[in-house]
PDB file of N, CA and C in Angstrom:
ATOM      1  N   MET A   1       0.728  -1.068   0.047  1.00  0.00           N
ATOM      2  CA  MET A   1       0.091   0.005  -0.122  1.00  0.00           C
ATOM      3  C   MET A   1       0.673   1.257  -0.081  1.00  0.00           C
ATOM      4  N   SER A   2       0.568   2.066  -0.835  1.00  0.00           N
ATOM      5  CA  SER A   2       1.208   3.174  -0.831  1.00  0.00           C
ATOM      6  C   SER A   2       0.752   4.298   0.204  1.00  0.00           C
ATOM      7  N   SER A   3       1.300   5.641   0.280  1.00  0.00           N
ATOM      8  CA  SER A   3       0.512   6.422   1.065  1.00  0.00           C
ATOM      9  C   SER A   3       0.120   7.649   0.459  1.00  0.00           C
ATOM     10  N   ILE A   4      -0.628   8.432   1.013  1.00  0.00           N
ATOM     11  CA  ILE A   4      -1.341   9.669   0.594  1.00  0.00           C
ATOM     12  C   ILE A   4      -0.329  10.685  -0.170  1.00  0.00           C
ATOM     13  N   ASP A   5       0.766  10.695   0.699  1.00  0.00           N
ATOM     14  CA  ASP A   5       1.922  11.402   0.157  1.00  0.00           C
ATOM     15  C   ASP A   5       2.443  11.094  -1.422  1.00  0.00           C
ATOM     16  N   ALA A   6       2.634   9.597  -1.462  1.00  0.00           N
ATOM     17  CA  ALA A   6       3.171   9.025  -2.670  1.00  0.00           C
ATOM     18  C   ALA A   6       1.968   9.267  -3.666  1.00  0.00           C
ATOM     19  N   CYS A   7       0.680   9.349  -3.355  1.00  0.00           N
ATOM     20  CA  CYS A   7      -0.480   9.463  -4.184  1.00  0.00           C
ATOM     21  C   CYS A   7      -0.334  10.950  -4.778  1.00  0.00           C
ATOM     22  N   LEU A   8      -0.269  11.723  -3.959  1.00  0.00           N
ATOM     23  CA  LEU A   8       0.039  13.276  -4.322  1.00  0.00           C
ATOM     24  C   LEU A   8       1.200  13.484  -5.201  1.00  0.00           C
ATOM     25  N   GLN A   9       2.294  12.861  -4.995  1.00  0.00           N
ATOM     26  CA  GLN A   9       3.420  12.932  -5.887  1.00  0.00           C
ATOM     27  C   GLN A   9       3.157  12.218  -7.109  1.00  0.00           C
ATOM     28  N   GLY A  10       2.441  11.029  -7.274  1.00  0.00           N
ATOM     29  CA  GLY A  10       1.915  10.628  -8.388  1.00  0.00           C
ATOM     30  C   GLY A  10       1.038  11.550  -9.300  1.00  0.00           C
ATOM     31  N   ILE A  11       0.232  12.442  -8.492  1.00  0.00           N
ATOM     32  CA  ILE A  11      -0.740  13.275  -9.369  1.00  0.00           C
ATOM     33  C   ILE A  11       0.314  14.362  -9.757  1.00  0.00           C
ATOM     34  N   ALA A  12       1.125  14.803  -9.126  1.00  0.00           N
ATOM     35  CA  ALA A  12       2.084  15.929  -9.639  1.00  0.00           C
ATOM     36  C   ALA A  12       3.011  15.323 -10.928  1.00  0.00           C
ATOM     37  N   ARG A  13       3.154  14.112 -10.849  1.00  0.00           N
ATOM     38  CA  ARG A  13       3.999  13.448 -12.108  1.00  0.00           C
ATOM     39  C   ARG A  13       3.063  13.536 -13.494  1.00  0.00           C
ATOM     40  N   ALA A  14       1.643  13.013 -12.976  1.00  0.00           N
ATOM     41  CA  ALA A  14       0.887  13.044 -14.017  1.00  0.00           C
ATOM     42  C   ALA A  14       0.589  14.425 -14.605  1.00  0.00           C
ATOM     43  N   ASN A  15       0.477  15.330 -13.747  1.00  0.00           N
ATOM     44  CA  ASN A  15       0.326  16.767 -14.181  1.00  0.00           C
ATOM     45  C   ASN A  15       1.453  17.358 -15.002  1.00  0.00           C
ATOM     46  N   GLU A  16       2.760  16.990 -14.716  1.00  0.00           N
ATOM     47  CA  GLU A  16       4.048  17.349 -15.178  1.00  0.00           C
ATOM     48  C   GLU A  16       3.763  16.808 -16.856  1.00  0.00           C
ATOM     49  N   ARG A  17       3.493  15.300 -16.721  1.00  0.00           N
ATOM     50  CA  ARG A  17       3.214  14.588 -18.415  1.00  0.00           C
ATOM     51  C   ARG A  17       2.321  15.247 -19.115  1.00  0.00           C
ATOM     52  N   LEU A  18       1.252  15.833 -18.381  1.00  0.00           N
ATOM     53  CA  LEU A  18       0.108  16.408 -19.186  1.00  0.00           C
ATOM     54  C   LEU A  18       0.619  17.709 -19.673  1.00  0.00           C
ATOM     55  N   LEU A  19       1.362  18.623 -18.923  1.00  0.00           N
ATOM     56  CA  LEU A  19       1.676  19.775 -19.268  1.00  0.00           C
ATOM     57  C   LEU A  19       3.067  19.731 -20.452  1.00  0.00           C
ATOM     58  N   ARG A  20       3.656  18.528 -20.351  1.00  0.00           N
ATOM     59  CA  ARG A  20       4.462  18.536 -21.690  1.00  0.00           C
ATOM     60  C   ARG A  20       3.888  18.209 -22.993  1.00  0.00           C
ATOM     61  N   GLU A  21       2.702  18.100 -22.982  1.00  0.00           N
ATOM     62  CA  GLU A  21       1.809  17.899 -24.310  1.00  0.00           C
ATOM     63  C   GLU A  21       1.884  19.508 -24.930  1.00  0.00           C
ATOM     64  N   PRO A  22       1.951  19.449 -26.207  1.00  0.00           N
ATOM     65  CA  PRO A  22       1.769  20.625 -26.756  1.00  0.00           C
ATOM     66  C   PRO A  22       0.172  21.337 -26.413  1.00  0.00           C
ATOM     67  N   LEU A  23       0.411  22.713 -26.338  1.00  0.00           N
ATOM     68  CA  LEU A  23      -0.920  23.347 -25.870  1.00  0.00           C
ATOM     69  C   LEU A  23      -1.897  23.155 -27.026  1.00  0.00           C
ATOM     70  N   ASP A  24      -1.744  23.200 -28.253  1.00  0.00           N
ATOM     71  CA  ASP A  24      -2.776  22.942 -29.081  1.00  0.00           C
ATOM     72  C   ASP A  24      -3.328  21.353 -29.124  1.00  0.00           C
ATOM     73  N   ARG A  25      -2.577  20.408 -28.694  1.00  0.00           N
ATOM     74  CA  ARG A  25      -3.249  19.221 -28.405  1.00  0.00           C
ATOM     75  C   ARG A  25      -4.036  19.353 -27.338  1.00  0.00           C
ATOM     76  N   ARG A  26      -3.611  19.742 -26.015  1.00  0.00           N
ATOM     77  CA  ARG A  26      -4.307  19.995 -24.928  1.00  0.00           C
ATOM     78  C   ARG A  26      -5.588  20.686 -24.972  1.00  0.00           C
ATOM     79  N   ARG A  27      -5.676  21.657 -26.016  1.00  0.00           N
ATOM     80  CA  ARG A  27      -6.871  22.369 -26.429  1.00  0.00           C
ATOM     81  C   ARG A  27      -7.857  21.783 -27.203  1.00  0.00           C
ATOM     82  N   ARG A  28      -7.454  20.641 -27.771  1.00  0.00           N
ATOM     83  CA  ARG A  28      -8.242  19.726 -28.741  1.00  0.00           C
ATOM     84  C   ARG A  28      -8.683  18.662 -27.810  1.00  0.00           C
ATOM     85  N   HIS A  29      -7.980  18.179 -26.843  1.00  0.00           N
ATOM     86  CA  HIS A  29      -8.414  16.856 -26.303  1.00  0.00           C
ATOM     87  C   HIS A  29      -9.099  17.110 -24.716  1.00  0.00           C
ATOM     88  N   ILE A  30      -8.703  18.294 -24.169  1.00  0.00           N
ATOM     89  CA  ILE A  30      -9.235  18.396 -22.859  1.00  0.00           C
ATOM     90  C   ILE A  30     -10.366  19.507 -22.881  1.00  0.00           C
ATOM     91  N   ARG A  31     -11.316  19.105 -22.134  1.00  0.00           N
ATOM     92  CA  ARG A  31     -12.518  19.888 -21.630  1.00  0.00           C
ATOM     93  C   ARG A  31     -12.406  20.071 -20.124  1.00  0.00           C
ATOM     94  N   GLU A  32     -12.899  21.257 -19.544  1.00  0.00           N
ATOM     95  CA  GLU A  32     -12.614  21.270 -18.123  1.00  0.00           C
ATOM     96  C   GLU A  32     -13.559  20.434 -17.564  1.00  0.00           C
ATOM     97  N   ARG A  33     -12.917  19.715 -16.488  1.00  0.00           N
ATOM     98  CA  ARG A  33     -13.851  18.589 -15.806  1.00  0.00           C
ATOM     99  C   ARG A  33     -13.485  18.452 -14.293  1.00  0.00           C
ATOM    100  N   THR A  34     -14.310  18.564 -13.578  1.00  0.00           N
ATOM    101  CA  THR A  34     -14.120  17.830 -12.041  1.00  0.00           C
ATOM    102  C   THR A  34     -13.614  16.390 -12.149  1.00  0.00           C
ATOM    103  N   VAL A  35     -12.538  16.115 -11.479  1.00  0.00           N
ATOM    104  CA  VAL A  35     -12.127  14.581 -11.411  1.00  0.00           C
ATOM    105  C   VAL A  35     -11.917  14.223  -9.774  1.00  0.00           C
ATOM    106  N   SER A  36     -12.373  13.291  -9.559  1.00  0.00           N
ATOM    107  CA  SER A  36     -12.288  12.601  -8.326  1.00  0.00           C
ATOM    108  C   SER A  36     -11.411  11.250  -8.570  1.00  0.00           C
ATOM    109  N   VAL A  37     -10.178  10.994  -7.738  1.00  0.00           N
ATOM    110  CA  VAL A  37      -9.742   9.734  -7.973  1.00  0.00           C
ATOM    111  C   VAL A  37      -9.757   8.893  -6.443  1.00  0.00           C
ATOM    112  N   VAL A  38     -10.795   7.995  -6.504  1.00  0.00           N
ATOM    113  CA  VAL A  38     -11.070   7.186  -5.366  1.00  0.00           C
ATOM    114  C   VAL A  38      -9.891   6.054  -5.046  1.00  0.00           C
ATOM    115  N   VAL A  39      -9.393   6.156  -4.096  1.00  0.00           N
ATOM    116  CA  VAL A  39      -8.315   5.157  -3.643  1.00  0.00           C
ATOM    117  C   VAL A  39      -8.897   4.425  -2.315  1.00  0.00           C
ATOM    118  N   PRO A  40      -9.465   3.189  -2.659  1.00  0.00           N
ATOM    119  CA  PRO A  40     -10.016   2.641  -1.563  1.00  0.00           C
ATOM    120  C   PRO A  40      -9.269   2.035  -0.428  1.00  0.00           C
ATOM    121  N   ASP A  41      -8.091   1.467  -0.868  1.00  0.00           N
ATOM    122  CA  ASP A  41      -7.342   1.104   0.145  1.00  0.00           C
ATOM    123  C   ASP A  41      -6.735   2.091   1.279  1.00  0.00           C
ATOM    124  N   LEU A  42      -6.818   3.462   0.754  1.00  0.00           N
ATOM    125  CA  LEU A  42      -6.342   4.528   1.547  1.00  0.00           C
ATOM    126  C   LEU A  42      -7.645   5.080   2.165  1.00  0.00           C
ATOM    127  N   ASP A  43      -8.761   4.706   2.007  1.00  0.00           N
ATOM    128  CA  ASP A  43     -10.150   5.339   2.244  1.00  0.00           C
ATOM    129  C   ASP A  43     -10.008   7.015   1.906  1.00  0.00           C
ATOM    130  N   THR A  44      -9.315   7.089   1.025  1.00  0.00           N
ATOM    131  CA  THR A  44      -9.505   8.599   0.550  1.00  0.00           C
ATOM    132  C   THR A  44      -9.905   8.782  -0.993  1.00  0.00           C
ATOM    133  N   VAL A  45     -10.079  10.170  -1.056  1.00  0.00           N
ATOM    134  CA  VAL A  45     -10.626  10.516  -2.673  1.00  0.00           C
ATOM    135  C   VAL A  45      -9.735  11.827  -2.785  1.00  0.00           C
ATOM    136  N   PHE A  46      -9.121  11.998  -3.936  1.00  0.00           N
ATOM    137  CA  PHE A  46      -8.417  13.189  -4.263  1.00  0.00           C
ATOM    138  C   PHE A  46      -9.380  13.856  -5.243  1.00  0.00           C
ATOM    139  N   ASP A  47      -9.748  15.206  -5.118  1.00  0.00           N
ATOM    140  CA  ASP A  47     -10.269  15.777  -6.062  1.00  0.00           C
ATOM    141  C   ASP A  47      -9.538  16.726  -6.606  1.00  0.00           C
ATOM    142  N   MET A  48      -9.927  17.112  -7.967  1.00  0.00           N
ATOM    143  CA  MET A  48      -9.108  18.205  -8.631  1.00  0.00           C
ATOM    144  C   MET A  48      -9.873  18.540  -9.810  1.00  0.00           C
ATOM    145  N   LEU A  49      -9.335  19.562 -10.421  1.00  0.00           N
ATOM    146  CA  LEU A  49     -10.057  19.956 -11.788  1.00  0.00           C
ATOM    147  C   LEU A  49      -8.804  19.764 -12.869  1.00  0.00           C
ATOM    148  N   LEU A  50      -9.499  19.086 -13.975  1.00  0.00           N
ATOM    149  CA  LEU A  50      -8.563  19.193 -15.021  1.00  0.00           C
ATOM    150  C   LEU A  50      -8.947  20.162 -16.208  1.00  0.00           C
ATOM    151  N   THR A  51      -7.940  20.890 -16.391  1.00  0.00           N
ATOM    152  CA  THR A  51      -7.759  22.175 -17.511  1.00  0.00           C
ATOM    153  C   THR A  51      -6.898  21.879 -18.552  1.00  0.00           C
ATOM    154  N   ILE A  52      -6.800  22.778 -19.477  1.00  0.00           N
ATOM    155  CA  ILE A  52      -5.762  22.916 -20.317  1.00  0.00           C
ATOM    156  C   ILE A  52      -4.434  23.330 -19.764  1.00  0.00           C
ATOM    157  N   ASP A  53      -4.784  23.629 -18.529  1.00  0.00           N
ATOM    158  CA  ASP A  53      -3.430  24.315 -17.714  1.00  0.00           C
ATOM    159  C   ASP A  53      -3.012  23.250 -16.825  1.00  0.00           C
ATOM    160  N   GLY A  54      -3.758  22.192 -16.934  1.00  0.00           N
ATOM    161  CA  GLY A  54      -3.085  20.983 -16.012  1.00  0.00           C
ATOM    162  C   GLY A  54      -4.091  20.392 -15.050  1.00  0.00           C
ATOM    163  N   LEU A  55      -3.723  19.704 -13.858  1.00  0.00           N
ATOM    164  CA  LEU A  55      -4.750  19.509 -12.703  1.00  0.00           C
ATOM    165  C   LEU A  55      -4.218  20.562 -11.842  1.00  0.00           C
ATOM    166  N   THR A  56      -5.484  21.267 -11.604  1.00  0.00           N
ATOM    167  CA  THR A  56      -5.418  22.224 -10.476  1.00  0.00           C
ATOM    168  C   THR A  56      -6.414  21.927  -9.289  1.00  0.00           C
ATOM    169  N   ASP A  57      -6.149  22.760  -8.147  1.00  0.00           N
ATOM    170  CA  ASP A  57      -7.019  22.603  -7.055  1.00  0.00           C
ATOM    171  C   ASP A  57      -7.054  21.212  -6.601  1.00  0.00           C
ATOM    172  N   VAL A  58      -5.965  20.575  -6.399  1.00  0.00           N
ATOM    173  CA  VAL A  58      -5.762  19.139  -5.953  1.00  0.00           C
ATOM    174  C   VAL A  58      -6.042  19.392  -4.451  1.00  0.00           C
ATOM    175  N   THR A  59      -7.079  18.371  -3.830  1.00  0.00           N
ATOM    176  CA  THR A  59      -7.366  18.327  -2.533  1.00  0.00           C
ATOM    177  C   THR A  59      -7.512  16.952  -2.084  1.00  0.00           C
ATOM    178  N   HIS A  60      -7.450  16.317  -1.028  1.00  0.00           N
ATOM    179  CA  HIS A  60      -7.767  14.980  -0.655  1.00  0.00           C
ATOM    180  C   HIS A  60      -8.799  15.006   0.553  1.00  0.00           C
ATOM    181  N   ARG A  61      -9.486  14.107   0.732  1.00  0.00           N
ATOM    182  CA  ARG A  61     -10.498  14.050   1.707  1.00  0.00           C
ATOM    183  C   ARG A  61     -10.859  12.634   2.072  1.00  0.00           C
ATOM    184  N   PRO A  62     -11.277  12.285   3.289  1.00  0.00           N
ATOM    185  CA  PRO A  62     -11.520  10.759   3.517  1.00  0.00           C
ATOM    186  C   PRO A  62     -12.803  10.540   2.644  1.00  0.00           C
ATOM    187  N   ARG A  63     -13.017   8.969   2.409  1.00  0.00           N
ATOM    188  CA  ARG A  63     -14.042   8.833   1.449  1.00  0.00           C
ATOM    189  C   ARG A  63     -14.990   8.885   1.698  1.00  0.00           C
ATOM    190  N   SER A  64     -15.596   8.972   3.177  1.00  0.00           N
ATOM    191  CA  SER A  64     -16.861   9.303   3.843  1.00  0.00           C
ATOM    192  C   SER A  64     -17.310  10.555   3.756  1.00  0.00           C
ATOM    193  N   THR A  65     -16.500  11.638   3.570  1.00  0.00           N
ATOM    194  CA  THR A  65     -16.829  12.905   3.676  1.00  0.00           C
ATOM    195  C   THR A  65     -17.506  13.394   2.265  1.00  0.00           C
ATOM    196  N   PRO A  66     -18.792  13.475   2.336  1.00  0.00           N
ATOM    197  CA  PRO A  66     -19.694  13.846   1.072  1.00  0.00           C
ATOM    198  C   PRO A  66     -18.891  15.057   0.238  1.00  0.00           C
ATOM    199  N   ALA A  67     -19.119  15.163  -0.926  1.00  0.00           N
ATOM    200  CA  ALA A  67     -18.639  16.312  -1.891  1.00  0.00           C
ATOM    201  C   ALA A  67     -19.513  16.119  -2.922  1.00  0.00           C
ATOM    202  N   PRO A  68     -19.891  17.156  -3.964  1.00  0.00           N
ATOM    203  CA  PRO A  68     -20.587  17.133  -5.048  1.00  0.00           C
ATOM    204  C   PRO A  68     -19.935  16.095  -6.070  1.00  0.00           C
ATOM    205  N   ARG A  69     -20.970  15.409  -6.702  1.00  0.00           N
ATOM    206  CA  ARG A  69     -20.513  14.633  -7.910  1.00  0.00           C
ATOM    207  C   ARG A  69     -19.731  15.046  -8.935  1.00  0.00           C
ATOM    208  N   PRO A  70     -18.416  14.408  -9.082  1.00  0.00           N
ATOM    209  CA  PRO A  70     -17.606  14.934 -10.115  1.00  0.00           C
ATOM    210  C   PRO A  70     -17.998  14.527 -11.546  1.00  0.00           C
ATOM    211  N   GLN A  71     -17.409  15.067 -12.403  1.00  0.00           N
ATOM    212  CA  GLN A  71     -17.921  14.685 -13.922  1.00  0.00           C
ATOM    213  C   GLN A  71     -17.017  13.277 -14.505  1.00  0.00           C
ATOM    214  N   VAL A  72     -15.837  13.187 -13.819  1.00  0.00           N
ATOM    215  CA  VAL A  72     -14.954  12.087 -14.061  1.00  0.00           C
ATOM    216  C   VAL A  72     -14.906  11.386 -12.600  1.00  0.00           C
ATOM    217  N   THR A  73     -14.794  10.057 -12.346  1.00  0.00           N
ATOM    218  CA  THR A  73     -14.277   9.400 -11.262  1.00  0.00           C
ATOM    219  C   THR A  73     -13.575   8.244 -11.717  1.00  0.00           C
ATOM    220  N   VAL A  74     -12.451   8.298 -11.207  1.00  0.00           N
ATOM    221  CA  VAL A  74     -11.314   7.155 -11.482  1.00  0.00           C
ATOM    222  C   VAL A  74     -11.164   6.590  -9.993  1.00  0.00           C
ATOM    223  N   THR A  75     -11.338   5.104 -10.286  1.00  0.00           N
ATOM    224  CA  THR A  75     -11.038   4.338  -8.847  1.00  0.00           C
ATOM    225  C   THR A  75      -9.858   3.262  -9.269  1.00  0.00           C
ATOM    226  N   VAL A  76      -9.011   3.428  -8.256  1.00  0.00           N
ATOM    227  CA  VAL A  76      -7.699   2.582  -8.310  1.00  0.00           C
ATOM    228  C   VAL A  76      -7.042   2.551  -7.132  1.00  0.00           C
ATOM    229  N   SER A  77      -6.370   1.350  -6.727  1.00  0.00           N
ATOM    230  CA  SER A  77      -5.654   1.052  -5.574  1.00  0.00           C
ATOM    231  C   SER A  77      -4.366   2.107  -5.510  1.00  0.00           C
ATOM    232  N   SER A  78      -3.907   2.330  -4.338  1.00  0.00           N
ATOM    233  CA  SER A  78      -2.826   3.337  -4.268  1.00  0.00           C
ATOM    234  C   SER A  78      -1.582   2.661  -5.160  1.00  0.00           C
ATOM    235  N   GLU A  79      -1.347   1.430  -4.846  1.00  0.00           N
ATOM    236  CA  GLU A  79      -0.195   0.886  -5.630  1.00  0.00           C
ATOM    237  C   GLU A  79      -0.197   0.998  -6.997  1.00  0.00           C
ATOM    238  N   ASP A  80      -1.357   0.533  -7.533  1.00  0.00           N
ATOM    239  CA  ASP A  80      -1.580   0.921  -9.083  1.00  0.00           C
ATOM    240  C   ASP A  80      -1.511   2.466  -9.412  1.00  0.00           C
ATOM    241  N   PHE A  81      -2.176   3.136  -8.646  1.00  0.00           N
ATOM    242  CA  PHE A  81      -2.117   4.684  -9.068  1.00  0.00           C
ATOM    243  C   PHE A  81      -0.507   5.226  -9.095  1.00  0.00           C
ATOM    244  N   VAL A  82      -0.018   4.806  -8.074  1.00  0.00           N
ATOM    245  CA  VAL A  82       1.575   5.071  -8.283  1.00  0.00           C
ATOM    246  C   VAL A  82       2.129   4.630  -9.359  1.00  0.00           C
ATOM    247  N   ALA A  83       1.976   3.276  -9.672  1.00  0.00           N
ATOM    248  CA  ALA A  83       2.568   2.498 -10.926  1.00  0.00           C
ATOM    249  C   ALA A  83       2.205   3.285 -12.128  1.00  0.00           C
ATOM    250  N   LEU A  84       0.835   3.796 -12.283  1.00  0.00           N
ATOM    251  CA  LEU A  84       0.356   4.510 -13.465  1.00  0.00           C
ATOM    252  C   LEU A  84       1.093   5.763 -13.489  1.00  0.00           C
ATOM    253  N   SER A  85       1.288   6.413 -12.438  1.00  0.00           N
ATOM    254  CA  SER A  85       1.948   7.903 -12.590  1.00  0.00           C
ATOM    255  C   SER A  85       3.207   7.778 -12.980  1.00  0.00           C
ATOM    256  N   GLU A  86       4.065   6.427 -12.433  1.00  0.00           N
ATOM    257  CA  GLU A  86       5.487   6.192 -12.732  1.00  0.00           C
ATOM    258  C   GLU A  86       5.500   5.540 -14.257  1.00  0.00           C
ATOM    259  N   GLU A  87       4.375   5.270 -14.777  1.00  0.00           N
ATOM    260  CA  GLU A  87       4.375   4.740 -16.095  1.00  0.00           C
ATOM    261  C   GLU A  87       5.041   3.394 -16.319  1.00  0.00           C
ATOM    262  N   ARG A  88       4.877   2.615 -14.932  1.00  0.00           N
ATOM    263  CA  ARG A  88       5.141   1.049 -14.856  1.00  0.00           C
ATOM    264  C   ARG A  88       3.876   0.475 -15.071  1.00  0.00           C
ATOM    265  N   LEU A  89       2.571   0.877 -15.134  1.00  0.00           N
ATOM    266  CA  LEU A  89       1.719   0.221 -15.636  1.00  0.00           C
ATOM    267  C   LEU A  89       0.804   0.935 -16.660  1.00  0.00           C
ATOM    268  N   ASP A  90       0.572  -0.037 -17.422  1.00  0.00           N
ATOM    269  CA  ASP A  90      -0.133   0.784 -19.039  1.00  0.00           C
ATOM    270  C   ASP A  90      -1.628   1.136 -18.644  1.00  0.00           C
ATOM    271  N   PRO A  91      -2.005   2.246 -19.023  1.00  0.00           N
ATOM    272  CA  PRO A  91      -3.599   2.465 -18.513  1.00  0.00           C
ATOM    273  C   PRO A  91      -4.477   1.188 -18.966  1.00  0.00           C
ATOM    274  N   ALA A  92      -4.452   0.975 -20.382  1.00  0.00           N
ATOM    275  CA  ALA A  92      -5.289   0.120 -21.060  1.00  0.00           C
ATOM    276  C   ALA A  92      -5.213  -1.048 -20.515  1.00  0.00           C
ATOM    277  N   LYS A  93      -4.130  -1.673 -20.090  1.00  0.00           N
ATOM    278  CA  LYS A  93      -4.015  -3.053 -19.416  1.00  0.00           C
ATOM    279  C   LYS A  93      -4.675  -3.036 -18.077  1.00  0.00           C
ATOM    280  N   ALA A  94      -4.478  -1.902 -17.401  1.00  0.00           N
ATOM    281  CA  ALA A  94      -5.132  -1.563 -16.012  1.00  0.00           C
ATOM    282  C   ALA A  94      -6.680  -1.752 -16.160  1.00  0.00           C
ATOM    283  N   LEU A  95      -7.044  -1.123 -17.219  1.00  0.00           N
ATOM    284  CA  LEU A  95      -8.574  -1.121 -17.297  1.00  0.00           C
ATOM    285  C   LEU A  95      -9.154  -2.473 -17.745  1.00  0.00           C
ATOM    286  N   LEU A  96      -8.688  -3.105 -18.631  1.00  0.00           N
ATOM    287  CA  LEU A  96      -8.740  -4.423 -19.261  1.00  0.00           C
ATOM    288  C   LEU A  96      -8.753  -5.637 -17.930  1.00  0.00           C
ATOM    289  N   GLY A  97      -7.606  -5.151 -17.050  1.00  0.00           N
ATOM    290  CA  GLY A  97      -7.457  -6.119 -15.990  1.00  0.00           C
ATOM    291  C   GLY A  97      -8.395  -5.827 -14.679  1.00  0.00           C
ATOM    292  N   ARG A  98      -9.203  -4.625 -14.868  1.00  0.00           N
ATOM    293  CA  ARG A  98     -10.119  -4.360 -13.907  1.00  0.00           C
ATOM    294  C   ARG A  98      -9.258  -3.855 -12.485  1.00  0.00           C
ATOM    295  N   ARG A  99      -8.343  -3.318 -12.716  1.00  0.00           N
ATOM    296  CA  ARG A  99      -7.219  -2.775 -11.873  1.00  0.00           C
ATOM    297  C   ARG A  99      -7.571  -1.155 -11.587  1.00  0.00           C
ATOM    298  N   LEU A 100      -8.285  -0.742 -12.864  1.00  0.00           N
ATOM    299  CA  LEU A 100      -8.550   0.768 -13.096  1.00  0.00           C
ATOM    300  C   LEU A 100      -9.987   1.170 -13.340  1.00  0.00           C
ATOM    301  N   LYS A 101     -10.787   1.917 -12.652  1.00  0.00           N
ATOM    302  CA  LYS A 101     -12.210   2.075 -13.577  1.00  0.00           C
ATOM    303  C   LYS A 101     -12.169   3.426 -13.398  1.00  0.00           C
ATOM    304  N   ILE A 102     -12.927   3.846 -14.657  1.00  0.00           N
ATOM    305  CA  ILE A 102     -13.297   5.293 -15.028  1.00  0.00           C
ATOM    306  C   ILE A 102     -14.714   5.178 -15.322  1.00  0.00           C
ATOM    307  N   ASP A 103     -15.000   6.306 -14.466  1.00  0.00           N
ATOM    308  CA  ASP A 103     -16.743   6.422 -14.460  1.00  0.00           C
ATOM    309  C   ASP A 103     -16.725   7.961 -15.174  1.00  0.00           C
ATOM    310  N   ALA A 104     -17.170   7.889 -16.543  1.00  0.00           N
ATOM    311  CA  ALA A 104     -17.246   9.370 -17.199  1.00  0.00           C
ATOM    312  C   ALA A 104     -17.998   8.944 -18.484  1.00  0.00           C
ATOM    313  N   GLY A 105     -18.572  10.192 -18.982  1.00  0.00           N
ATOM    314  CA  GLY A 105     -19.293  10.209 -20.251  1.00  0.00           C
ATOM    315  C   GLY A 105     -18.465   9.678 -21.476  1.00  0.00           C
ATOM    316  N   LEU A 106     -19.051   9.113 -22.507  1.00  0.00           N
ATOM    317  CA  LEU A 106     -18.352   8.583 -23.663  1.00  0.00           C
ATOM    318  C   LEU A 106     -17.368   9.600 -24.082  1.00  0.00           C
ATOM    319  N   GLY A 107     -17.975  10.946 -24.532  1.00  0.00           N
ATOM    320  CA  GLY A 107     -17.009  11.874 -25.034  1.00  0.00           C
ATOM    321  C   GLY A 107     -15.943  11.969 -24.155  1.00  0.00           C
ATOM    322  N   ASP A 108     -16.029  12.066 -22.859  1.00  0.00           N
ATOM    323  CA  ASP A 108     -14.861  12.293 -21.984  1.00  0.00           C
ATOM    324  C   ASP A 108     -13.748  11.298 -21.968  1.00  0.00           C
ATOM    325  N   LEU A 109     -14.439   9.821 -22.233  1.00  0.00           N
ATOM    326  CA  LEU A 109     -13.525   8.818 -22.182  1.00  0.00           C
ATOM    327  C   LEU A 109     -12.617   8.626 -23.327  1.00  0.00           C
ATOM    328  N   LEU A 110     -13.457   9.112 -24.684  1.00  0.00           N
ATOM    329  CA  LEU A 110     -12.730   9.333 -25.953  1.00  0.00           C
ATOM    330  C   LEU A 110     -11.722  10.432 -25.930  1.00  0.00           C
ATOM    331  N   ARG A 111     -12.032  11.510 -25.207  1.00  0.00           N
ATOM    332  CA  ARG A 111     -10.777  12.615 -25.100  1.00  0.00           C
ATOM    333  C   ARG A 111      -9.758  12.189 -24.398  1.00  0.00           C
ATOM    334  N   LEU A 112      -9.944  11.482 -23.219  1.00  0.00           N
ATOM    335  CA  LEU A 112      -8.928  10.899 -22.351  1.00  0.00           C
ATOM    336  C   LEU A 112      -8.074   9.966 -22.980  1.00  0.00           C
ATOM    337  N   ARG A 113      -8.695   9.147 -23.747  1.00  0.00           N
ATOM    338  CA  ARG A 113      -8.087   8.060 -24.408  1.00  0.00           C
ATOM    339  C   ARG A 113      -6.910   8.638 -25.396  1.00  0.00           C
ATOM    340  N   ARG A 114      -7.119   9.601 -25.973  1.00  0.00           N
ATOM    341  CA  ARG A 114      -6.333  10.075 -26.728  1.00  0.00           C
ATOM    342  C   ARG A 114      -5.150  10.803 -25.906  1.00  0.00           C
ATOM    343  N   LEU A 115      -5.116  11.121 -24.764  1.00  0.00           N
ATOM    344  CA  LEU A 115      -4.052  11.640 -24.196  1.00  0.00           C
ATOM    345  C   LEU A 115      -3.386  10.665 -23.356  1.00  0.00           C
ATOM    346  N   LEU A 116      -3.720   9.521 -23.122  1.00  0.00           N
ATOM    347  CA  LEU A 116      -2.906   8.310 -22.516  1.00  0.00           C
ATOM    348  C   LEU A 116      -2.061   7.765 -23.446  1.00  0.00           C
TER     349      LEU A 116
END
């Protein structure tokens, strides 16, 4: 099991990777969305905003604390979350292996797929 700090570092790495994409590509594939990453083994949810300027307003809260429903919800274990952020785990394989679950509209899924 990874820690909350390791997951926050993972979010920072994912943000760095996102910001390495050219701005025109980010504009084409990213629509501003509220995102929650649920990490069941830490009983924690990381809430953030996905924008063309990256992942902003990152906070975390206990899973039992109510919050508005996000537009995109990602559920993943802490170990897999860190492995994804370090590019040691392929997102497509994680999805197919049911290690990663994404709850989002079809349009959001298609746009996210192009960025992964």
